């Protein structure tokens, strides 16, 4: 009796696998309407709260909305990206990764799908938040070039924070744990110049605010939208984003490979 050797199919060419998983992740986002809605509603509610409740005490002249909107934009990106950690952790714990491993797919295609889908939905959410900001009195002084720069920085930040949350989802033991770990990251904007100037904080907290990634990103975004001098903040902002993407991508690839081999 002769046996026939079964040769494995080669991986899909080009970006076919990535496009399939991007579509899958976008479909998941649309079906999970509650998470998508909350990632928009929470930043909008915070913006209204700080503008109309706290704004008068912080800036009696009514210009506080111009100060706070750049921070709210990054907060919106963080809320939206946090769901990526839950989605990734759910994939890793549900057994579906075992099915994917039997297919001719690149291992990174699953993560790429989650990251690209998060980037798309968070850009939409950010546009909504900016629109609401304009309705409540936000008046940026940016020209077309500055708007392009701001959009590029927002996209780069969303990419960085999404890769970080995807890696957290891989490291977590369950979707619930991933959500908890991600919630810790969402506190960083509150310890930055998002809501109040750094110089108004206690001295020990000023050091924290000045030496974490969110502050230069917010100051760069604020400078682009309001037409103020950027100084060296832009280089720090870009550098922080690139560093987060690089570290998260390497960490995520290592975690994905290790967890896939266990299953």
C-alpha atoms as a PDB file:
ATOM      1  CA  UNK A   1       0.000   0.000   0.000  1.00  0.00           C
ATOM      2  CA  UNK A   2       1.337   3.389  -0.934  1.00  0.00           C
ATOM      3  CA  UNK A   3       0.814   6.577   1.030  1.00  0.00           C
ATOM      4  CA  UNK A   4       0.341   9.984  -0.441  1.00  0.00           C
ATOM      5  CA  UNK A   5       2.241  12.821   1.195  1.00  0.00           C
ATOM      6  CA  UNK A   6       0.166  15.882   1.932  1.00  0.00           C
ATOM      7  CA  UNK A   7       2.060  19.059   1.264  1.00  0.00           C
ATOM      8  CA  UNK A   8       0.950  22.143   3.199  1.00  0.00           C
ATOM      9  CA  UNK A   9      -0.403  25.014   1.185  1.00  0.00           C
ATOM     10  CA  UNK A  10       1.868  28.048   1.012  1.00  0.00           C
ATOM     11  CA  UNK A  11       0.839  31.218   2.836  1.00  0.00           C
ATOM     12  CA  UNK A  12      -1.471  33.582   1.002  1.00  0.00           C
ATOM     13  CA  UNK A  13       0.326  36.079  -1.170  1.00  0.00           C
ATOM     14  CA  UNK A  14       0.385  39.803  -0.745  1.00  0.00           C
ATOM     15  CA  UNK A  15      -1.886  41.262   1.891  1.00  0.00           C
ATOM     16  CA  UNK A  16      -4.828  38.943   1.292  1.00  0.00           C
ATOM     17  CA  UNK A  17      -4.764  37.555   4.834  1.00  0.00           C
ATOM     18  CA  UNK A  18      -4.448  41.018   6.373  1.00  0.00           C
ATOM     19  CA  UNK A  19      -7.380  42.349   4.335  1.00  0.00           C
ATOM     20  CA  UNK A  20      -9.541  39.414   5.425  1.00  0.00           C
ATOM     21  CA  UNK A  21      -8.806  40.031   9.106  1.00  0.00           C
ATOM     22  CA  UNK A  22      -9.295  43.787   8.749  1.00  0.00           C
ATOM     23  CA  UNK A  23     -12.758  43.059   7.355  1.00  0.00           C
ATOM     24  CA  UNK A  24     -13.409  40.597  10.167  1.00  0.00           C
ATOM     25  CA  UNK A  25     -12.398  43.118  12.839  1.00  0.00           C
ATOM     26  CA  UNK A  26     -14.467  45.902  11.261  1.00  0.00           C
ATOM     27  CA  UNK A  27     -17.483  43.591  11.195  1.00  0.00           C
ATOM     28  CA  UNK A  28     -16.941  42.821  14.884  1.00  0.00           C
ATOM     29  CA  UNK A  29     -16.791  46.551  15.641  1.00  0.00           C
ATOM     30  CA  UNK A  30     -20.040  47.247  13.811  1.00  0.00           C
ATOM     31  CA  UNK A  31     -21.780  44.398  15.583  1.00  0.00           C
ATOM     32  CA  UNK A  32     -20.474  45.602  18.945  1.00  0.00           C
ATOM     33  CA  UNK A  33     -22.313  48.879  18.720  1.00  0.00           C
ATOM     34  CA  UNK A  34     -22.245  49.490  22.466  1.00  0.00           C
ATOM     35  CA  UNK A  35     -18.436  49.599  22.659  1.00  0.00           C
ATOM     36  CA  UNK A  36     -18.251  51.849  19.613  1.00  0.00           C
ATOM     37  CA  UNK A  37     -20.894  54.188  21.018  1.00  0.00           C
ATOM     38  CA  UNK A  38     -19.285  54.382  24.448  1.00  0.00           C
ATOM     39  CA  UNK A  39     -15.864  55.147  22.946  1.00  0.00           C
ATOM     40  CA  UNK A  40     -17.493  58.257  21.453  1.00  0.00           C
ATOM     41  CA  UNK A  41     -19.988  59.175  24.173  1.00  0.00           C
ATOM     42  CA  UNK A  42     -17.561  59.042  27.104  1.00  0.00           C
ATOM     43  CA  UNK A  43     -15.083  61.603  25.658  1.00  0.00           C
ATOM     44  CA  UNK A  44     -17.957  63.812  24.523  1.00  0.00           C
ATOM     45  CA  UNK A  45     -19.497  63.725  28.003  1.00  0.00           C
ATOM     46  CA  UNK A  46     -16.124  64.519  29.575  1.00  0.00           C
ATOM     47  CA  UNK A  47     -15.661  67.438  27.186  1.00  0.00           C
ATOM     48  CA  UNK A  48     -19.090  68.829  28.066  1.00  0.00           C
ATOM     49  CA  UNK A  49     -18.408  68.278  31.760  1.00  0.00           C
ATOM     50  CA  UNK A  50     -15.061  70.058  31.762  1.00  0.00           C
ATOM     51  CA  UNK A  51     -16.278  72.839  29.463  1.00  0.00           C
ATOM     52  CA  UNK A  52     -19.553  73.754  31.150  1.00  0.00           C
ATOM     53  CA  UNK A  53     -19.068  72.563  34.754  1.00  0.00           C
ATOM     54  CA  UNK A  54     -15.363  73.065  35.502  1.00  0.00           C
ATOM     55  CA  UNK A  55     -14.432  75.447  32.685  1.00  0.00           C
ATOM     56  CA  UNK A  56     -15.804  78.555  34.370  1.00  0.00           C
ATOM     57  CA  UNK A  57     -13.684  77.972  37.464  1.00  0.00           C
ATOM     58  CA  UNK A  58     -10.544  77.068  35.504  1.00  0.00           C
ATOM     59  CA  UNK A  59     -10.840  79.745  32.813  1.00  0.00           C
ATOM     60  CA  UNK A  60     -13.558  82.343  33.574  1.00  0.00           C
ATOM     61  CA  UNK A  61     -13.198  83.897  30.133  1.00  0.00           C
ATOM     62  CA  UNK A  62     -14.773  80.875  28.456  1.00  0.00           C
ATOM     63  CA  UNK A  63     -11.672  79.931  26.456  1.00  0.00           C
ATOM     64  CA  UNK A  64     -11.134  76.679  28.338  1.00  0.00           C
ATOM     65  CA  UNK A  65     -12.771  74.673  25.548  1.00  0.00           C
ATOM     66  CA  UNK A  66      -9.872  75.603  23.246  1.00  0.00           C
ATOM     67  CA  UNK A  67      -7.448  74.257  25.830  1.00  0.00           C
ATOM     68  CA  UNK A  68      -9.248  71.031  26.672  1.00  0.00           C
ATOM     69  CA  UNK A  69     -10.308  69.701  23.242  1.00  0.00           C
ATOM     70  CA  UNK A  70      -6.820  68.443  22.208  1.00  0.00           C
ATOM     71  CA  UNK A  71      -6.671  66.386  25.405  1.00  0.00           C
ATOM     72  CA  UNK A  72     -10.189  65.049  24.845  1.00  0.00           C
ATOM     73  CA  UNK A  73      -9.171  63.969  21.334  1.00  0.00           C
ATOM     74  CA  UNK A  74      -6.395  61.771  22.735  1.00  0.00           C
ATOM     75  CA  UNK A  75      -8.712  60.529  25.472  1.00  0.00           C
ATOM     76  CA  UNK A  76     -11.174  59.491  22.762  1.00  0.00           C
ATOM     77  CA  UNK A  77      -8.429  57.582  20.965  1.00  0.00           C
ATOM     78  CA  UNK A  78      -7.531  55.813  24.195  1.00  0.00           C
ATOM     79  CA  UNK A  79     -11.121  54.764  24.927  1.00  0.00           C
ATOM     80  CA  UNK A  80     -11.523  53.435  21.392  1.00  0.00           C
ATOM     81  CA  UNK A  81      -8.212  51.575  21.359  1.00  0.00           C
ATOM     82  CA  UNK A  82      -8.921  49.978  24.745  1.00  0.00           C
ATOM     83  CA  UNK A  83     -11.534  47.726  23.146  1.00  0.00           C
ATOM     84  CA  UNK A  84      -8.759  46.215  21.016  1.00  0.00           C
ATOM     85  CA  UNK A  85      -7.249  44.618  24.126  1.00  0.00           C
ATOM     86  CA  UNK A  86     -10.565  42.914  24.852  1.00  0.00           C
ATOM     87  CA  UNK A  87     -11.020  41.713  21.261  1.00  0.00           C
ATOM     88  CA  UNK A  88      -7.502  40.274  21.100  1.00  0.00           C
ATOM     89  CA  UNK A  89      -7.807  38.571  24.503  1.00  0.00           C
ATOM     90  CA  UNK A  90     -11.144  37.091  23.418  1.00  0.00           C
ATOM     91  CA  UNK A  91      -9.570  35.653  20.271  1.00  0.00           C
ATOM     92  CA  UNK A  92      -6.719  34.130  22.260  1.00  0.00           C
ATOM     93  CA  UNK A  93      -9.002  32.541  24.873  1.00  0.00           C
ATOM     94  CA  UNK A  94     -11.835  31.358  22.601  1.00  0.00           C
ATOM     95  CA  UNK A  95      -9.793  28.797  20.650  1.00  0.00           C
ATOM     96  CA  UNK A  96     -10.246  30.475  17.295  1.00  0.00           C
ATOM     97  CA  UNK A  97      -6.488  31.018  17.036  1.00  0.00           C
ATOM     98  CA  UNK A  98      -6.074  27.233  16.887  1.00  0.00           C
ATOM     99  CA  UNK A  99      -8.268  27.199  13.785  1.00  0.00           C
ATOM    100  CA  UNK A 100      -6.300  30.027  12.204  1.00  0.00           C
ATOM    101  CA  UNK A 101      -3.037  28.139  12.763  1.00  0.00           C
ATOM    102  CA  UNK A 102      -4.278  25.318  10.523  1.00  0.00           C
ATOM    103  CA  UNK A 103      -4.656  27.779   7.642  1.00  0.00           C
ATOM    104  CA  UNK A 104      -1.897  29.155   5.394  1.00  0.00           C
ATOM    105  CA  UNK A 105      -1.829  32.511   7.202  1.00  0.00           C
ATOM    106  CA  UNK A 106       0.917  34.716   8.521  1.00  0.00           C
ATOM    107  CA  UNK A 107       0.720  34.880  12.297  1.00  0.00           C
ATOM    108  CA  UNK A 108       0.788  38.682  12.304  1.00  0.00           C
ATOM    109  CA  UNK A 109      -2.302  38.952  10.098  1.00  0.00           C
ATOM    110  CA  UNK A 110      -4.668  38.565  13.062  1.00  0.00           C
ATOM    111  CA  UNK A 111      -3.065  41.437  14.994  1.00  0.00           C
ATOM    112  CA  UNK A 112      -2.830  43.585  11.869  1.00  0.00           C
ATOM    113  CA  UNK A 113      -6.566  43.167  11.353  1.00  0.00           C
ATOM    114  CA  UNK A 114      -7.335  44.355  14.865  1.00  0.00           C
ATOM    115  CA  UNK A 115      -4.941  47.312  14.647  1.00  0.00           C
ATOM    116  CA  UNK A 116      -6.111  48.595  11.246  1.00  0.00           C
ATOM    117  CA  UNK A 117      -9.783  48.220  12.189  1.00  0.00           C
ATOM    118  CA  UNK A 118      -9.148  50.128  15.430  1.00  0.00           C
ATOM    119  CA  UNK A 119      -7.370  52.880  13.507  1.00  0.00           C
ATOM    120  CA  UNK A 120     -10.363  53.251  11.161  1.00  0.00           C
ATOM    121  CA  UNK A 121     -13.055  53.340  13.851  1.00  0.00           C
ATOM    122  CA  UNK A 122     -11.035  55.661  16.099  1.00  0.00           C
ATOM    123  CA  UNK A 123     -10.483  58.179  13.315  1.00  0.00           C
ATOM    124  CA  UNK A 124     -14.251  58.275  12.806  1.00  0.00           C
ATOM    125  CA  UNK A 125     -14.807  58.691  16.565  1.00  0.00           C
ATOM    126  CA  UNK A 126     -12.201  61.466  16.680  1.00  0.00           C
ATOM    127  CA  UNK A 127     -13.936  63.324  13.853  1.00  0.00           C
ATOM    128  CA  UNK A 128     -17.205  63.157  15.815  1.00  0.00           C
ATOM    129  CA  UNK A 129     -15.512  64.501  18.959  1.00  0.00           C
ATOM    130  CA  UNK A 130     -13.954  67.397  17.014  1.00  0.00           C
ATOM    131  CA  UNK A 131     -17.359  68.152  15.472  1.00  0.00           C
ATOM    132  CA  UNK A 132     -18.989  68.313  18.909  1.00  0.00           C
ATOM    133  CA  UNK A 133     -16.123  70.499  20.111  1.00  0.00           C
ATOM    134  CA  UNK A 134     -16.805  72.962  17.301  1.00  0.00           C
ATOM    135  CA  UNK A 135     -20.472  73.034  18.292  1.00  0.00           C
ATOM    136  CA  UNK A 136     -19.668  73.952  21.902  1.00  0.00           C
ATOM    137  CA  UNK A 137     -17.242  76.737  21.015  1.00  0.00           C
ATOM    138  CA  UNK A 138     -13.906  75.186  20.020  1.00  0.00           C
ATOM    139  CA  UNK A 139     -12.252  77.630  17.612  1.00  0.00           C
ATOM    140  CA  UNK A 140      -8.931  76.360  16.219  1.00  0.00           C
ATOM    141  CA  UNK A 141      -6.617  78.696  14.302  1.00  0.00           C
ATOM    142  CA  UNK A 142      -5.028  75.992  12.133  1.00  0.00           C
ATOM    143  CA  UNK A 143      -4.488  76.362   8.417  1.00  0.00           C
ATOM    144  CA  UNK A 144      -4.733  73.429   5.986  1.00  0.00           C
ATOM    145  CA  UNK A 145      -1.136  72.335   6.536  1.00  0.00           C
ATOM    146  CA  UNK A 146      -1.571  72.395  10.310  1.00  0.00           C
ATOM    147  CA  UNK A 147      -4.775  70.352  10.046  1.00  0.00           C
ATOM    148  CA  UNK A 148      -2.945  67.769   7.946  1.00  0.00           C
ATOM    149  CA  UNK A 149      -0.166  67.653  10.532  1.00  0.00           C
ATOM    150  CA  UNK A 150      -2.699  67.279  13.358  1.00  0.00           C
ATOM    151  CA  UNK A 151      -4.515  64.481  11.517  1.00  0.00           C
ATOM    152  CA  UNK A 152      -1.207  62.704  10.915  1.00  0.00           C
ATOM    153  CA  UNK A 153      -0.221  62.992  14.576  1.00  0.00           C
ATOM    154  CA  UNK A 154      -3.634  61.724  15.723  1.00  0.00           C
ATOM    155  CA  UNK A 155      -3.373  58.735  13.350  1.00  0.00           C
ATOM    156  CA  UNK A 156       0.166  57.977  14.553  1.00  0.00           C
ATOM    157  CA  UNK A 157      -0.948  58.168  18.191  1.00  0.00           C
ATOM    158  CA  UNK A 158      -3.939  55.896  17.528  1.00  0.00           C
ATOM    159  CA  UNK A 159      -1.634  53.415  15.802  1.00  0.00           C
ATOM    160  CA  UNK A 160       0.766  53.472  18.759  1.00  0.00           C
ATOM    161  CA  UNK A 161      -1.871  53.132  21.475  1.00  0.00           C
ATOM    162  CA  UNK A 162      -3.692  50.405  19.526  1.00  0.00           C
ATOM    163  CA  UNK A 163      -0.544  48.314  19.144  1.00  0.00           C
ATOM    164  CA  UNK A 164       0.041  48.755  22.878  1.00  0.00           C
ATOM    165  CA  UNK A 165      -3.488  47.642  23.749  1.00  0.00           C
ATOM    166  CA  UNK A 166      -3.252  44.701  21.328  1.00  0.00           C
ATOM    167  CA  UNK A 167      -0.107  43.550  23.131  1.00  0.00           C
ATOM    168  CA  UNK A 168      -1.848  43.974  26.477  1.00  0.00           C
ATOM    169  CA  UNK A 169      -4.676  41.788  25.162  1.00  0.00           C
ATOM    170  CA  UNK A 170      -2.134  39.112  24.259  1.00  0.00           C
ATOM    171  CA  UNK A 171      -0.466  39.312  27.668  1.00  0.00           C
ATOM    172  CA  UNK A 172      -3.736  39.185  29.628  1.00  0.00           C
ATOM    173  CA  UNK A 173      -5.188  35.876  30.695  1.00  0.00           C
ATOM    174  CA  UNK A 174      -8.791  36.825  29.863  1.00  0.00           C
ATOM    175  CA  UNK A 175     -10.849  39.591  28.234  1.00  0.00           C
ATOM    176  CA  UNK A 176     -11.785  40.873  31.701  1.00  0.00           C
ATOM    177  CA  UNK A 177      -8.135  41.128  32.738  1.00  0.00           C
ATOM    178  CA  UNK A 178      -7.270  42.866  29.461  1.00  0.00           C
ATOM    179  CA  UNK A 179      -9.974  45.447  30.130  1.00  0.00           C
ATOM    180  CA  UNK A 180      -8.598  46.071  33.616  1.00  0.00           C
ATOM    181  CA  UNK A 181      -4.996  46.482  32.457  1.00  0.00           C
ATOM    182  CA  UNK A 182      -6.102  48.808  29.680  1.00  0.00           C
ATOM    183  CA  UNK A 183      -8.039  50.955  32.139  1.00  0.00           C
ATOM    184  CA  UNK A 184      -4.762  51.765  33.906  1.00  0.00           C
ATOM    185  CA  UNK A 185      -3.292  53.173  30.667  1.00  0.00           C
ATOM    186  CA  UNK A 186      -6.331  55.416  30.254  1.00  0.00           C
ATOM    187  CA  UNK A 187      -5.310  57.362  33.375  1.00  0.00           C
ATOM    188  CA  UNK A 188      -2.182  58.778  31.700  1.00  0.00           C
ATOM    189  CA  UNK A 189      -3.965  61.741  30.042  1.00  0.00           C
ATOM    190  CA  UNK A 190      -5.159  62.890  33.471  1.00  0.00           C
ATOM    191  CA  UNK A 191      -1.512  63.066  34.597  1.00  0.00           C
ATOM    192  CA  UNK A 192      -0.511  65.280  31.685  1.00  0.00           C
ATOM    193  CA  UNK A 193      -1.252  68.757  30.372  1.00  0.00           C
ATOM    194  CA  UNK A 194      -4.578  67.567  28.916  1.00  0.00           C
ATOM    195  CA  UNK A 195      -6.813  69.378  31.397  1.00  0.00           C
ATOM    196  CA  UNK A 196      -4.606  71.826  33.300  1.00  0.00           C
ATOM    197  CA  UNK A 197      -1.151  73.341  32.672  1.00  0.00           C
ATOM    198  CA  UNK A 198       1.683  71.282  34.106  1.00  0.00           C
ATOM    199  CA  UNK A 199       3.023  74.236  36.113  1.00  0.00           C
ATOM    200  CA  UNK A 200      -0.173  74.306  38.212  1.00  0.00           C
ATOM    201  CA  UNK A 201       0.499  70.789  39.550  1.00  0.00           C
ATOM    202  CA  UNK A 202       2.532  69.899  42.669  1.00  0.00           C
ATOM    203  CA  UNK A 203       6.268  69.770  41.940  1.00  0.00           C
ATOM    204  CA  UNK A 204       6.545  65.985  42.238  1.00  0.00           C
ATOM    205  CA  UNK A 205       3.620  65.554  39.830  1.00  0.00           C
ATOM    206  CA  UNK A 206       5.096  68.047  37.372  1.00  0.00           C
ATOM    207  CA  UNK A 207       8.051  65.701  36.891  1.00  0.00           C
ATOM    208  CA  UNK A 208       5.653  62.840  36.075  1.00  0.00           C
ATOM    209  CA  UNK A 209       3.646  64.970  33.654  1.00  0.00           C
ATOM    210  CA  UNK A 210       6.738  66.319  31.889  1.00  0.00           C
ATOM    211  CA  UNK A 211       8.345  62.900  31.431  1.00  0.00           C
ATOM    212  CA  UNK A 212       5.513  60.792  30.108  1.00  0.00           C
ATOM    213  CA  UNK A 213       4.510  60.459  26.424  1.00  0.00           C
ATOM    214  CA  UNK A 214       1.053  62.040  26.534  1.00  0.00           C
ATOM    215  CA  UNK A 215       2.171  65.587  27.425  1.00  0.00           C
ATOM    216  CA  UNK A 216       4.363  66.286  24.348  1.00  0.00           C
ATOM    217  CA  UNK A 217       1.747  64.691  22.087  1.00  0.00           C
ATOM    218  CA  UNK A 218      -0.992  66.906  23.519  1.00  0.00           C
ATOM    219  CA  UNK A 219       1.191  70.028  23.397  1.00  0.00           C
ATOM    220  CA  UNK A 220       2.078  69.321  19.760  1.00  0.00           C
ATOM    221  CA  UNK A 221      -1.573  68.765  18.858  1.00  0.00           C
ATOM    222  CA  UNK A 222      -2.569  71.900  20.759  1.00  0.00           C
ATOM    223  CA  UNK A 223       0.143  73.895  19.004  1.00  0.00           C
ATOM    224  CA  UNK A 224      -0.943  72.690  15.563  1.00  0.00           C
ATOM    225  CA  UNK A 225      -4.631  73.423  16.155  1.00  0.00           C
ATOM    226  CA  UNK A 226      -4.229  76.708  18.012  1.00  0.00           C
ATOM    227  CA  UNK A 227      -1.260  78.084  16.039  1.00  0.00           C
ATOM    228  CA  UNK A 228       1.170  78.316  18.958  1.00  0.00           C
ATOM    229  CA  UNK A 229       4.895  77.617  18.888  1.00  0.00           C
ATOM    230  CA  UNK A 230       5.706  73.883  18.893  1.00  0.00           C
ATOM    231  CA  UNK A 231       9.305  74.122  20.064  1.00  0.00           C
ATOM    232  CA  UNK A 232      10.821  70.668  20.438  1.00  0.00           C
ATOM    233  CA  UNK A 233       7.558  69.053  21.536  1.00  0.00           C
ATOM    234  CA  UNK A 234       6.780  67.771  18.029  1.00  0.00           C
ATOM    235  CA  UNK A 235       9.980  65.722  17.882  1.00  0.00           C
ATOM    236  CA  UNK A 236       9.309  64.270  21.311  1.00  0.00           C
ATOM    237  CA  UNK A 237       5.727  63.438  20.303  1.00  0.00           C
ATOM    238  CA  UNK A 238       6.762  61.645  17.119  1.00  0.00           C
ATOM    239  CA  UNK A 239       9.601  59.883  18.888  1.00  0.00           C
ATOM    240  CA  UNK A 240       7.345  58.622  21.674  1.00  0.00           C
ATOM    241  CA  UNK A 241       4.770  57.320  19.174  1.00  0.00           C
ATOM    242  CA  UNK A 242       7.377  55.513  17.069  1.00  0.00           C
ATOM    243  CA  UNK A 243       8.966  54.005  20.184  1.00  0.00           C
ATOM    244  CA  UNK A 244       5.593  52.750  21.449  1.00  0.00           C
ATOM    245  CA  UNK A 245       4.769  51.222  18.051  1.00  0.00           C
ATOM    246  CA  UNK A 246       8.161  49.504  17.781  1.00  0.00           C
ATOM    247  CA  UNK A 247       8.182  48.121  21.331  1.00  0.00           C
ATOM    248  CA  UNK A 248       4.542  47.034  21.195  1.00  0.00           C
ATOM    249  CA  UNK A 249       4.930  45.368  17.795  1.00  0.00           C
ATOM    250  CA  UNK A 250       7.970  43.359  18.911  1.00  0.00           C
ATOM    251  CA  UNK A 251       6.347  42.475  22.237  1.00  0.00           C
ATOM    252  CA  UNK A 252       3.078  41.544  20.537  1.00  0.00           C
ATOM    253  CA  UNK A 253       4.774  39.320  17.938  1.00  0.00           C
ATOM    254  CA  UNK A 254       6.695  37.528  20.689  1.00  0.00           C
ATOM    255  CA  UNK A 255       3.571  37.035  22.808  1.00  0.00           C
ATOM    256  CA  UNK A 256       1.512  35.850  19.841  1.00  0.00           C
ATOM    257  CA  UNK A 257       4.137  33.312  18.814  1.00  0.00           C
ATOM    258  CA  UNK A 258       4.568  32.034  22.361  1.00  0.00           C
ATOM    259  CA  UNK A 259       0.848  31.690  23.050  1.00  0.00           C
ATOM    260  CA  UNK A 260       0.179  30.095  19.674  1.00  0.00           C
ATOM    261  CA  UNK A 261       2.778  27.414  20.347  1.00  0.00           C
ATOM    262  CA  UNK A 262       1.095  26.606  23.667  1.00  0.00           C
ATOM    263  CA  UNK A 263      -2.290  25.928  22.089  1.00  0.00           C
END
